[in-house]
Amino acid sequence: MPSAAQGGVCIDTSMGFTPLDGLMMGTRSGSVDPGLLLHFLRRRGLDAAHLDHVLNHESGLLGVSQRSSDMREVLAAARILVIATREDLTILRETRRVRAQRS
């Protein structure tokens, strides 16, 4: 949990009443608009226990990335995607160049 320390003593944290408040973490949502919570309860039919589970265990970086709660894994996957995209663009450019030479 992100915190501010002075002289080895914690003087502040990003957490409010519960660890859900504050910054988004690996699986915790961080601060959310209370209206969103009401929307999930009323319109999506979630009960409080399910909503609590989702906010604490399926949100945060895991929920945003749909891959992992570990930033190292998310960044590694993003690098692979960028490399794959570069390779695809190179193949596309070369294909176009070859076709243009054949014309």
PDB file of N, CA and C in Angstrom:
ATOM      1  N   MET A   1       0.844  -1.171   0.000  1.00  0.00           N
ATOM      2  CA  MET A   1       0.000   0.000   0.000  1.00  0.00           C
ATOM      3  C   MET A   1       0.891   1.236   0.000  1.00  0.00           C
ATOM      4  N   PRO A   2       0.747   2.147  -0.959  1.00  0.00           N
ATOM      5  CA  PRO A   2       1.559   3.364  -0.979  1.00  0.00           C
ATOM      6  C   PRO A   2       1.356   4.175   0.300  1.00  0.00           C
ATOM      7  N   SER A   3       2.473   4.623   0.860  1.00  0.00           N
ATOM      8  CA  SER A   3       2.393   5.404   2.094  1.00  0.00           C
ATOM      9  C   SER A   3       3.524   6.413   2.150  1.00  0.00           C
ATOM     10  N   ALA A   4       3.358   7.395   3.017  1.00  0.00           N
ATOM     11  CA  ALA A   4       4.393   8.393   3.266  1.00  0.00           C
ATOM     12  C   ALA A   4       4.964   8.135   4.645  1.00  0.00           C
ATOM     13  N   ALA A   5       6.284   8.103   4.726  1.00  0.00           N
ATOM     14  CA  ALA A   5       6.935   7.849   6.011  1.00  0.00           C
ATOM     15  C   ALA A   5       7.869   8.999   6.346  1.00  0.00           C
ATOM     16  N   GLN A   6       8.026   9.202   7.628  1.00  0.00           N
ATOM     17  CA  GLN A   6       8.949  10.212   8.119  1.00  0.00           C
ATOM     18  C   GLN A   6       9.654   9.633   9.344  1.00  0.00           C
ATOM     19  N   GLY A   7      10.965   9.550   9.276  1.00  0.00           N
ATOM     20  CA  GLY A   7      11.711   8.970  10.379  1.00  0.00           C
ATOM     21  C   GLY A   7      11.347   7.520  10.648  1.00  0.00           C
ATOM     22  N   GLY A   8      10.996   6.785   9.588  1.00  0.00           N
ATOM     23  CA  GLY A   8      10.634   5.384   9.729  1.00  0.00           C
ATOM     24  C   GLY A   8       9.234   5.136  10.247  1.00  0.00           C
ATOM     25  N   VAL A   9       8.436   6.210  10.399  1.00  0.00           N
ATOM     26  CA  VAL A   9       7.072   6.091  10.902  1.00  0.00           C
ATOM     27  C   VAL A   9       6.101   6.498   9.794  1.00  0.00           C
ATOM     28  N   CYS A  10       5.092   5.669   9.562  1.00  0.00           N
ATOM     29  CA  CYS A  10       4.080   5.982   8.554  1.00  0.00           C
ATOM     30  C   CYS A  10       3.265   7.191   9.023  1.00  0.00           C
ATOM     31  N   ILE A  11       3.195   8.233   8.169  1.00  0.00           N
ATOM     32  CA  ILE A  11       2.422   9.424   8.532  1.00  0.00           C
ATOM     33  C   ILE A  11       1.188   9.606   7.654  1.00  0.00           C
ATOM     34  N   ASP A  12       1.122   8.863   6.535  1.00  0.00           N
ATOM     35  CA  ASP A  12      -0.050   8.948   5.666  1.00  0.00           C
ATOM     36  C   ASP A  12      -0.034   7.773   4.702  1.00  0.00           C
ATOM     37  N   THR A  13      -1.219   7.376   4.229  1.00  0.00           N
ATOM     38  CA  THR A  13      -1.327   6.331   3.216  1.00  0.00           C
ATOM     39  C   THR A  13      -2.316   6.789   2.153  1.00  0.00           C
ATOM     40  N   SER A  14      -2.341   6.068   1.045  1.00  0.00           N
ATOM     41  CA  SER A  14      -3.323   6.376   0.005  1.00  0.00           C
ATOM     42  C   SER A  14      -4.661   5.716   0.305  1.00  0.00           C
ATOM     43  N   MET A  15      -4.727   4.951   1.378  1.00  0.00           N
ATOM     44  CA  MET A  15      -5.912   4.187   1.727  1.00  0.00           C
ATOM     45  C   MET A  15      -6.872   5.029   2.560  1.00  0.00           C
ATOM     46  N   GLY A  16      -8.150   4.793   2.357  1.00  0.00           N
ATOM     47  CA  GLY A  16      -9.172   5.461   3.145  1.00  0.00           C
ATOM     48  C   GLY A  16      -9.682   4.530   4.228  1.00  0.00           C
ATOM     49  N   PHE A  17     -10.997   4.376   4.307  1.00  0.00           N
ATOM     50  CA  PHE A  17     -11.620   3.480   5.292  1.00  0.00           C
ATOM     51  C   PHE A  17     -11.178   2.036   5.080  1.00  0.00           C
ATOM     52  N   THR A  18     -10.999   1.649   3.809  1.00  0.00           N
ATOM     53  CA  THR A  18     -10.520   0.305   3.470  1.00  0.00           C
ATOM     54  C   THR A  18      -9.390   0.427   2.456  1.00  0.00           C
ATOM     55  N   PRO A  19      -8.680  -0.655   2.188  1.00  0.00           N
ATOM     56  CA  PRO A  19      -7.626  -0.605   1.169  1.00  0.00           C
ATOM     57  C   PRO A  19      -8.149  -0.341  -0.247  1.00  0.00           C
ATOM     58  N   LEU A  20      -9.458  -0.431  -0.470  1.00  0.00           N
ATOM     59  CA  LEU A  20      -9.998  -0.166  -1.803  1.00  0.00           C
ATOM     60  C   LEU A  20      -9.847   1.292  -2.213  1.00  0.00           C
ATOM     61  N   ASP A  21      -9.862   2.204  -1.262  1.00  0.00           N
ATOM     62  CA  ASP A  21      -9.732   3.617  -1.597  1.00  0.00           C
ATOM     63  C   ASP A  21      -8.286   3.913  -1.962  1.00  0.00           C
ATOM     64  N   GLY A  22      -8.086   4.938  -2.719  1.00  0.00           N
ATOM     65  CA  GLY A  22      -6.730   5.352  -3.072  1.00  0.00           C
ATOM     66  C   GLY A  22      -6.330   4.871  -4.442  1.00  0.00           C
ATOM     67  N   LEU A  23      -5.069   4.513  -4.569  1.00  0.00           N
ATOM     68  CA  LEU A  23      -4.506   4.131  -5.862  1.00  0.00           C
ATOM     69  C   LEU A  23      -4.947   2.740  -6.289  1.00  0.00           C
ATOM     70  N   MET A  24      -5.051   2.541  -7.595  1.00  0.00           N
ATOM     71  CA  MET A  24      -5.316   1.218  -8.138  1.00  0.00           C
ATOM     72  C   MET A  24      -4.110   0.334  -7.826  1.00  0.00           C
ATOM     73  N   MET A  25      -4.381  -0.884  -7.417  1.00  0.00           N
ATOM     74  CA  MET A  25      -3.314  -1.832  -7.084  1.00  0.00           C
ATOM     75  C   MET A  25      -3.378  -3.018  -8.054  1.00  0.00           C
ATOM     76  N   GLY A  26      -2.699  -4.089  -7.726  1.00  0.00           N
ATOM     77  CA  GLY A  26      -2.658  -5.256  -8.607  1.00  0.00           C
ATOM     78  C   GLY A  26      -4.028  -5.839  -8.888  1.00  0.00           C
ATOM     79  N   THR A  27      -4.837  -6.042  -7.828  1.00  0.00           N
ATOM     80  CA  THR A  27      -6.186  -6.596  -8.019  1.00  0.00           C
ATOM     81  C   THR A  27      -7.265  -5.713  -7.416  1.00  0.00           C
ATOM     82  N   ARG A  28      -6.896  -4.672  -6.693  1.00  0.00           N
ATOM     83  CA  ARG A  28      -7.884  -3.777  -6.087  1.00  0.00           C
ATOM     84  C   ARG A  28      -8.151  -2.600  -6.999  1.00  0.00           C
ATOM     85  N   SER A  29      -9.409  -2.167  -7.012  1.00  0.00           N
ATOM     86  CA  SER A  29      -9.849  -1.134  -7.946  1.00  0.00           C
ATOM     87  C   SER A  29      -9.264   0.241  -7.679  1.00  0.00           C
ATOM     88  N   GLY A  30      -8.988   0.577  -6.429  1.00  0.00           N
ATOM     89  CA  GLY A  30      -8.667   1.963  -6.104  1.00  0.00           C
ATOM     90  C   GLY A  30      -9.959   2.752  -6.037  1.00  0.00           C
ATOM     91  N   SER A  31      -9.848   4.066  -5.952  1.00  0.00           N
ATOM     92  CA  SER A  31     -11.030   4.922  -5.828  1.00  0.00           C
ATOM     93  C   SER A  31     -11.927   4.798  -7.055  1.00  0.00           C
ATOM     94  N   VAL A  32     -13.211   4.629  -6.819  1.00  0.00           N
ATOM     95  CA  VAL A  32     -14.185   4.574  -7.913  1.00  0.00           C
ATOM     96  C   VAL A  32     -15.353   5.494  -7.580  1.00  0.00           C
ATOM     97  N   ASP A  33     -16.034   5.929  -8.604  1.00  0.00           N
ATOM     98  CA  ASP A  33     -17.226   6.752  -8.449  1.00  0.00           C
ATOM     99  C   ASP A  33     -18.300   5.923  -7.749  1.00  0.00           C
ATOM    100  N   PRO A  34     -18.848   6.388  -6.636  1.00  0.00           N
ATOM    101  CA  PRO A  34     -19.893   5.623  -5.937  1.00  0.00           C
ATOM    102  C   PRO A  34     -21.093   5.296  -6.830  1.00  0.00           C
ATOM    103  N   GLY A  35     -21.364   6.146  -7.799  1.00  0.00           N
ATOM    104  CA  GLY A  35     -22.465   5.875  -8.720  1.00  0.00           C
ATOM    105  C   GLY A  35     -22.239   4.616  -9.540  1.00  0.00           C
ATOM    106  N   LEU A  36     -20.985   4.310  -9.837  1.00  0.00           N
ATOM    107  CA  LEU A  36     -20.667   3.085 -10.564  1.00  0.00           C
ATOM    108  C   LEU A  36     -21.038   1.864  -9.737  1.00  0.00           C
ATOM    109  N   LEU A  37     -20.766   1.935  -8.443  1.00  0.00           N
ATOM    110  CA  LEU A  37     -21.101   0.825  -7.558  1.00  0.00           C
ATOM    111  C   LEU A  37     -22.616   0.615  -7.508  1.00  0.00           C
ATOM    112  N   LEU A  38     -23.349   1.713  -7.420  1.00  0.00           N
ATOM    113  CA  LEU A  38     -24.814   1.611  -7.429  1.00  0.00           C
ATOM    114  C   LEU A  38     -25.311   1.019  -8.740  1.00  0.00           C
ATOM    115  N   HIS A  39     -24.692   1.417  -9.844  1.00  0.00           N
ATOM    116  CA  HIS A  39     -25.059   0.879 -11.158  1.00  0.00           C
ATOM    117  C   HIS A  39     -24.882  -0.646 -11.181  1.00  0.00           C
ATOM    118  N   PHE A  40     -23.750  -1.133 -10.683  1.00  0.00           N
ATOM    119  CA  PHE A  40     -23.521  -2.577 -10.664  1.00  0.00           C
ATOM    120  C   PHE A  40     -24.523  -3.302  -9.774  1.00  0.00           C
ATOM    121  N   LEU A  41     -24.874  -2.696  -8.651  1.00  0.00           N
ATOM    122  CA  LEU A  41     -25.839  -3.329  -7.753  1.00  0.00           C
ATOM    123  C   LEU A  41     -27.243  -3.336  -8.348  1.00  0.00           C
ATOM    124  N   ARG A  42     -27.660  -2.228  -8.912  1.00  0.00           N
ATOM    125  CA  ARG A  42     -29.041  -2.092  -9.416  1.00  0.00           C
ATOM    126  C   ARG A  42     -29.244  -2.678 -10.802  1.00  0.00           C
ATOM    127  N   ARG A  43     -28.383  -2.325 -11.730  1.00  0.00           N
ATOM    128  CA  ARG A  43     -28.618  -2.664 -13.138  1.00  0.00           C
ATOM    129  C   ARG A  43     -27.959  -3.952 -13.583  1.00  0.00           C
ATOM    130  N   ARG A  44     -26.883  -4.310 -12.955  1.00  0.00           N
ATOM    131  CA  ARG A  44     -26.185  -5.537 -13.336  1.00  0.00           C
ATOM    132  C   ARG A  44     -26.571  -6.714 -12.455  1.00  0.00           C
ATOM    133  N   GLY A  45     -27.331  -6.454 -11.408  1.00  0.00           N
ATOM    134  CA  GLY A  45     -27.811  -7.510 -10.538  1.00  0.00           C
ATOM    135  C   GLY A  45     -26.766  -8.138  -9.638  1.00  0.00           C
ATOM    136  N   LEU A  46     -25.667  -7.446  -9.421  1.00  0.00           N
ATOM    137  CA  LEU A  46     -24.658  -7.994  -8.514  1.00  0.00           C
ATOM    138  C   LEU A  46     -25.103  -7.803  -7.074  1.00  0.00           C
ATOM    139  N   ASP A  47     -24.799  -8.767  -6.219  1.00  0.00           N
ATOM    140  CA  ASP A  47     -25.055  -8.559  -4.795  1.00  0.00           C
ATOM    141  C   ASP A  47     -23.783  -8.000  -4.157  1.00  0.00           C
ATOM    142  N   ALA A  48     -23.872  -7.560  -2.932  1.00  0.00           N
ATOM    143  CA  ALA A  48     -22.754  -6.902  -2.265  1.00  0.00           C
ATOM    144  C   ALA A  48     -21.525  -7.812  -2.155  1.00  0.00           C
ATOM    145  N   ALA A  49     -21.728  -9.096  -1.885  1.00  0.00           N
ATOM    146  CA  ALA A  49     -20.599 -10.023  -1.746  1.00  0.00           C
ATOM    147  C   ALA A  49     -19.842 -10.178  -3.067  1.00  0.00           C
ATOM    148  N   HIS A  50     -20.588 -10.289  -4.163  1.00  0.00           N
ATOM    149  CA  HIS A  50     -19.948 -10.429  -5.473  1.00  0.00           C
ATOM    150  C   HIS A  50     -19.216  -9.145  -5.842  1.00  0.00           C
ATOM    151  N   LEU A  51     -19.845  -7.999  -5.609  1.00  0.00           N
ATOM    152  CA  LEU A  51     -19.214  -6.717  -5.902  1.00  0.00           C
ATOM    153  C   LEU A  51     -17.936  -6.555  -5.076  1.00  0.00           C
ATOM    154  N   ASP A  52     -17.975  -6.935  -3.806  1.00  0.00           N
ATOM    155  CA  ASP A  52     -16.802  -6.877  -2.945  1.00  0.00           C
ATOM    156  C   ASP A  52     -15.675  -7.741  -3.515  1.00  0.00           C
ATOM    157  N   HIS A  53     -16.019  -8.951  -3.965  1.00  0.00           N
ATOM    158  CA  HIS A  53     -15.013  -9.848  -4.549  1.00  0.00           C
ATOM    159  C   HIS A  53     -14.399  -9.233  -5.809  1.00  0.00           C
ATOM    160  N   VAL A  54     -15.233  -8.715  -6.690  1.00  0.00           N
ATOM    161  CA  VAL A  54     -14.736  -8.121  -7.934  1.00  0.00           C
ATOM    162  C   VAL A  54     -13.815  -6.939  -7.639  1.00  0.00           C
ATOM    163  N   LEU A  55     -14.224  -6.047  -6.746  1.00  0.00           N
ATOM    164  CA  LEU A  55     -13.422  -4.858  -6.441  1.00  0.00           C
ATOM    165  C   LEU A  55     -12.096  -5.197  -5.767  1.00  0.00           C
ATOM    166  N   ASN A  56     -12.056  -6.261  -4.986  1.00  0.00           N
ATOM    167  CA  ASN A  56     -10.844  -6.620  -4.252  1.00  0.00           C
ATOM    168  C   ASN A  56      -9.941  -7.610  -4.977  1.00  0.00           C
ATOM    169  N   HIS A  57     -10.511  -8.448  -5.858  1.00  0.00           N
ATOM    170  CA  HIS A  57      -9.723  -9.546  -6.420  1.00  0.00           C
ATOM    171  C   HIS A  57      -9.687  -9.612  -7.941  1.00  0.00           C
ATOM    172  N   GLU A  58     -10.550  -8.870  -8.648  1.00  0.00           N
ATOM    173  CA  GLU A  58     -10.593  -8.967 -10.104  1.00  0.00           C
ATOM    174  C   GLU A  58     -10.452  -7.615 -10.785  1.00  0.00           C
ATOM    175  N   SER A  59     -10.098  -6.591 -10.037  1.00  0.00           N
ATOM    176  CA  SER A  59     -10.010  -5.241 -10.594  1.00  0.00           C
ATOM    177  C   SER A  59      -8.547  -4.811 -10.668  1.00  0.00           C
ATOM    178  N   GLY A  60      -8.294  -3.532 -10.555  1.00  0.00           N
ATOM    179  CA  GLY A  60      -6.936  -3.017 -10.584  1.00  0.00           C
ATOM    180  C   GLY A  60      -6.232  -3.337 -11.883  1.00  0.00           C
ATOM    181  N   LEU A  61      -4.935  -3.564 -11.807  1.00  0.00           N
ATOM    182  CA  LEU A  61      -4.143  -3.856 -12.997  1.00  0.00           C
ATOM    183  C   LEU A  61      -4.631  -5.119 -13.698  1.00  0.00           C
ATOM    184  N   LEU A  62      -5.046  -6.119 -12.925  1.00  0.00           N
ATOM    185  CA  LEU A  62      -5.583  -7.344 -13.516  1.00  0.00           C
ATOM    186  C   LEU A  62      -6.825  -7.048 -14.348  1.00  0.00           C
ATOM    187  N   GLY A  63      -7.736  -6.255 -13.805  1.00  0.00           N
ATOM    188  CA  GLY A  63      -8.961  -5.933 -14.532  1.00  0.00           C
ATOM    189  C   GLY A  63      -8.713  -5.087 -15.761  1.00  0.00           C
ATOM    190  N   VAL A  64      -7.802  -4.145 -15.654  1.00  0.00           N
ATOM    191  CA  VAL A  64      -7.498  -3.257 -16.783  1.00  0.00           C
ATOM    192  C   VAL A  64      -6.773  -4.010 -17.887  1.00  0.00           C
ATOM    193  N   SER A  65      -5.805  -4.842 -17.506  1.00  0.00           N
ATOM    194  CA  SER A  65      -5.001  -5.542 -18.514  1.00  0.00           C
ATOM    195  C   SER A  65      -5.654  -6.821 -19.022  1.00  0.00           C
ATOM    196  N   GLN A  66      -6.550  -7.397 -18.217  1.00  0.00           N
ATOM    197  CA  GLN A  66      -7.142  -8.701 -18.519  1.00  0.00           C
ATOM    198  C   GLN A  66      -6.076  -9.776 -18.691  1.00  0.00           C
ATOM    199  N   ARG A  67      -4.898  -9.549 -18.070  1.00  0.00           N
ATOM    200  CA  ARG A  67      -3.794 -10.481 -18.220  1.00  0.00           C
ATOM    201  C   ARG A  67      -3.183 -10.878 -16.880  1.00  0.00           C
ATOM    202  N   SER A  68      -2.792  -9.888 -16.081  1.00  0.00           N
ATOM    203  CA  SER A  68      -2.054 -10.180 -14.859  1.00  0.00           C
ATOM    204  C   SER A  68      -2.144  -9.010 -13.888  1.00  0.00           C
ATOM    205  N   SER A  69      -1.933  -9.311 -12.616  1.00  0.00           N
ATOM    206  CA  SER A  69      -1.837  -8.250 -11.616  1.00  0.00           C
ATOM    207  C   SER A  69      -0.386  -7.840 -11.408  1.00  0.00           C
ATOM    208  N   ASP A  70       0.524  -8.464 -12.130  1.00  0.00           N
ATOM    209  CA  ASP A  70       1.959  -8.186 -12.023  1.00  0.00           C
ATOM    210  C   ASP A  70       2.378  -7.262 -13.169  1.00  0.00           C
ATOM    211  N   MET A  71       2.827  -6.065 -12.814  1.00  0.00           N
ATOM    212  CA  MET A  71       3.199  -5.069 -13.823  1.00  0.00           C
ATOM    213  C   MET A  71       4.295  -5.593 -14.750  1.00  0.00           C
ATOM    214  N   ARG A  72       5.203  -6.419 -14.244  1.00  0.00           N
ATOM    215  CA  ARG A  72       6.271  -6.962 -15.101  1.00  0.00           C
ATOM    216  C   ARG A  72       5.690  -7.815 -16.219  1.00  0.00           C
ATOM    217  N   GLU A  73       4.687  -8.627 -15.907  1.00  0.00           N
ATOM    218  CA  GLU A  73       4.065  -9.472 -16.931  1.00  0.00           C
ATOM    219  C   GLU A  73       3.281  -8.637 -17.936  1.00  0.00           C
ATOM    220  N   VAL A  74       2.597  -7.618 -17.447  1.00  0.00           N
ATOM    221  CA  VAL A  74       1.823  -6.744 -18.342  1.00  0.00           C
ATOM    222  C   VAL A  74       2.764  -6.014 -19.292  1.00  0.00           C
ATOM    223  N   LEU A  75       3.862  -5.478 -18.766  1.00  0.00           N
ATOM    224  CA  LEU A  75       4.822  -4.771 -19.613  1.00  0.00           C
ATOM    225  C   LEU A  75       5.491  -5.702 -20.608  1.00  0.00           C
ATOM    226  N   ALA A  76       5.814  -6.924 -20.186  1.00  0.00           N
ATOM    227  CA  ALA A  76       6.405  -7.898 -21.102  1.00  0.00           C
ATOM    228  C   ALA A  76       5.436  -8.219 -22.232  1.00  0.00           C
ATOM    229  N   ALA A  77       4.166  -8.399 -21.907  1.00  0.00           N
ATOM    230  CA  ALA A  77       3.153  -8.677 -22.933  1.00  0.00           C
ATOM    231  C   ALA A  77       3.005  -7.492 -23.871  1.00  0.00           C
ATOM    232  N   ALA A  78       3.079  -6.290 -23.330  1.00  0.00           N
ATOM    233  CA  ALA A  78       2.963  -5.089 -24.167  1.00  0.00           C
ATOM    234  C   ALA A  78       4.145  -5.002 -25.121  1.00  0.00           C
ATOM    235  N   ARG A  79       5.337  -5.347 -24.657  1.00  0.00           N
ATOM    236  CA  ARG A  79       6.518  -5.331 -25.528  1.00  0.00           C
ATOM    237  C   ARG A  79       6.357  -6.351 -26.650  1.00  0.00           C
ATOM    238  N   ILE A  80       5.851  -7.526 -26.325  1.00  0.00           N
ATOM    239  CA  ILE A  80       5.639  -8.555 -27.353  1.00  0.00           C
ATOM    240  C   ILE A  80       4.648  -8.042 -28.388  1.00  0.00           C
ATOM    241  N   LEU A  81       3.589  -7.383 -27.936  1.00  0.00           N
ATOM    242  CA  LEU A  81       2.600  -6.836 -28.859  1.00  0.00           C
ATOM    243  C   LEU A  81       3.223  -5.781 -29.763  1.00  0.00           C
ATOM    244  N   VAL A  82       4.048  -4.915 -29.199  1.00  0.00           N
ATOM    245  CA  VAL A  82       4.712  -3.877 -30.000  1.00  0.00           C
ATOM    246  C   VAL A  82       5.643  -4.517 -31.009  1.00  0.00           C
ATOM    247  N   ILE A  83       6.419  -5.518 -30.587  1.00  0.00           N
ATOM    248  CA  ILE A  83       7.326  -6.199 -31.510  1.00  0.00           C
ATOM    249  C   ILE A  83       6.535  -6.877 -32.619  1.00  0.00           C
ATOM    250  N   ALA A  84       5.449  -7.560 -32.262  1.00  0.00           N
ATOM    251  CA  ALA A  84       4.624  -8.229 -33.267  1.00  0.00           C
ATOM    252  C   ALA A  84       4.050  -7.216 -34.244  1.00  0.00           C
ATOM    253  N   THR A  85       3.630  -6.075 -33.743  1.00  0.00           N
ATOM    254  CA  THR A  85       3.075  -5.044 -34.614  1.00  0.00           C
ATOM    255  C   THR A  85       4.146  -4.523 -35.559  1.00  0.00           C
ATOM    256  N   ARG A  86       5.346  -4.299 -35.069  1.00  0.00           N
ATOM    257  CA  ARG A  86       6.450  -3.843 -35.926  1.00  0.00           C
ATOM    258  C   ARG A  86       6.739  -4.865 -37.015  1.00  0.00           C
ATOM    259  N   GLU A  87       6.769  -6.155 -36.619  1.00  0.00           N
ATOM    260  CA  GLU A  87       7.039  -7.204 -37.600  1.00  0.00           C
ATOM    261  C   GLU A  87       5.934  -7.255 -38.645  1.00  0.00           C
ATOM    262  N   ASP A  88       4.696  -7.131 -38.213  1.00  0.00           N
ATOM    263  CA  ASP A  88       3.574  -7.131 -39.151  1.00  0.00           C
ATOM    264  C   ASP A  88       3.682  -5.961 -40.125  1.00  0.00           C
ATOM    265  N   LEU A  89       4.041  -4.793 -39.617  1.00  0.00           N
ATOM    266  CA  LEU A  89       4.185  -3.623 -40.488  1.00  0.00           C
ATOM    267  C   LEU A  89       5.328  -3.801 -41.475  1.00  0.00           C
ATOM    268  N   THR A  90       6.416  -4.404 -41.017  1.00  0.00           N
ATOM    269  CA  THR A  90       7.548  -4.663 -41.914  1.00  0.00           C
ATOM    270  C   THR A  90       7.133  -5.626 -43.017  1.00  0.00           C
ATOM    271  N   ILE A  91       6.431  -6.679 -42.648  1.00  0.00           N
ATOM    272  CA  ILE A  91       5.952  -7.644 -43.647  1.00  0.00           C
ATOM    273  C   ILE A  91       5.005  -6.960 -44.628  1.00  0.00           C
ATOM    274  N   LEU A  92       4.104  -6.144 -44.129  1.00  0.00           N
ATOM    275  CA  LEU A  92       3.158  -5.429 -44.991  1.00  0.00           C
ATOM    276  C   LEU A  92       3.903  -4.515 -45.960  1.00  0.00           C
ATOM    277  N   ARG A  93       4.873  -3.754 -45.453  1.00  0.00           N
ATOM    278  CA  ARG A  93       5.642  -2.844 -46.319  1.00  0.00           C
ATOM    279  C   ARG A  93       6.391  -3.621 -47.405  1.00  0.00           C
ATOM    280  N   GLU A  94       7.032  -4.730 -47.002  1.00  0.00           N
ATOM    281  CA  GLU A  94       7.789  -5.521 -47.967  1.00  0.00           C
ATOM    282  C   GLU A  94       6.862  -6.154 -49.006  1.00  0.00           C
ATOM    283  N   THR A  95       5.698  -6.608 -48.560  1.00  0.00           N
ATOM    284  CA  THR A  95       4.725  -7.175 -49.493  1.00  0.00           C
ATOM    285  C   THR A  95       4.304  -6.132 -50.524  1.00  0.00           C
ATOM    286  N   ARG A  96       4.015  -4.939 -50.043  1.00  0.00           N
ATOM    287  CA  ARG A  96       3.640  -3.854 -50.966  1.00  0.00           C
ATOM    288  C   ARG A  96       4.783  -3.513 -51.927  1.00  0.00           C
ATOM    289  N   ARG A  97       6.013  -3.505 -51.420  1.00  0.00           N
ATOM    290  CA  ARG A  97       7.165  -3.177 -52.264  1.00  0.00           C
ATOM    291  C   ARG A  97       7.322  -4.217 -53.366  1.00  0.00           C
ATOM    292  N   VAL A  98       7.211  -5.508 -52.994  1.00  0.00           N
ATOM    293  CA  VAL A  98       7.354  -6.583 -53.971  1.00  0.00           C
ATOM    294  C   VAL A  98       6.242  -6.495 -55.014  1.00  0.00           C
ATOM    295  N   ARG A  99       5.017  -6.249 -54.560  1.00  0.00           N
ATOM    296  CA  ARG A  99       3.902  -6.132 -55.516  1.00  0.00           C
ATOM    297  C   ARG A  99       4.118  -4.951 -56.462  1.00  0.00           C
ATOM    298  N   ALA A 100       4.626  -3.864 -55.937  1.00  0.00           N
ATOM    299  CA  ALA A 100       4.865  -2.682 -56.765  1.00  0.00           C
ATOM    300  C   ALA A 100       5.951  -2.988 -57.811  1.00  0.00           C
ATOM    301  N   GLN A 101       6.961  -3.768 -57.466  1.00  0.00           N
ATOM    302  CA  GLN A 101       8.009  -4.121 -58.421  1.00  0.00           C
ATOM    303  C   GLN A 101       7.493  -5.030 -59.514  1.00  0.00           C
ATOM    304  N   ARG A 102       6.506  -5.864 -59.179  1.00  0.00           N
ATOM    305  CA  ARG A 102       5.941  -6.799 -60.157  1.00  0.00           C
ATOM    306  C   ARG A 102       5.038  -6.086 -61.168  1.00  0.00           C
ATOM    307  N   SER A 103       4.523  -4.965 -60.782  1.00  0.00           N
ATOM    308  CA  SER A 103       3.584  -4.233 -61.670  1.00  0.00           C
ATOM    309  C   SER A 103       4.299  -3.534 -62.794  1.00  0.00           C
TER     310      SER A 103
END
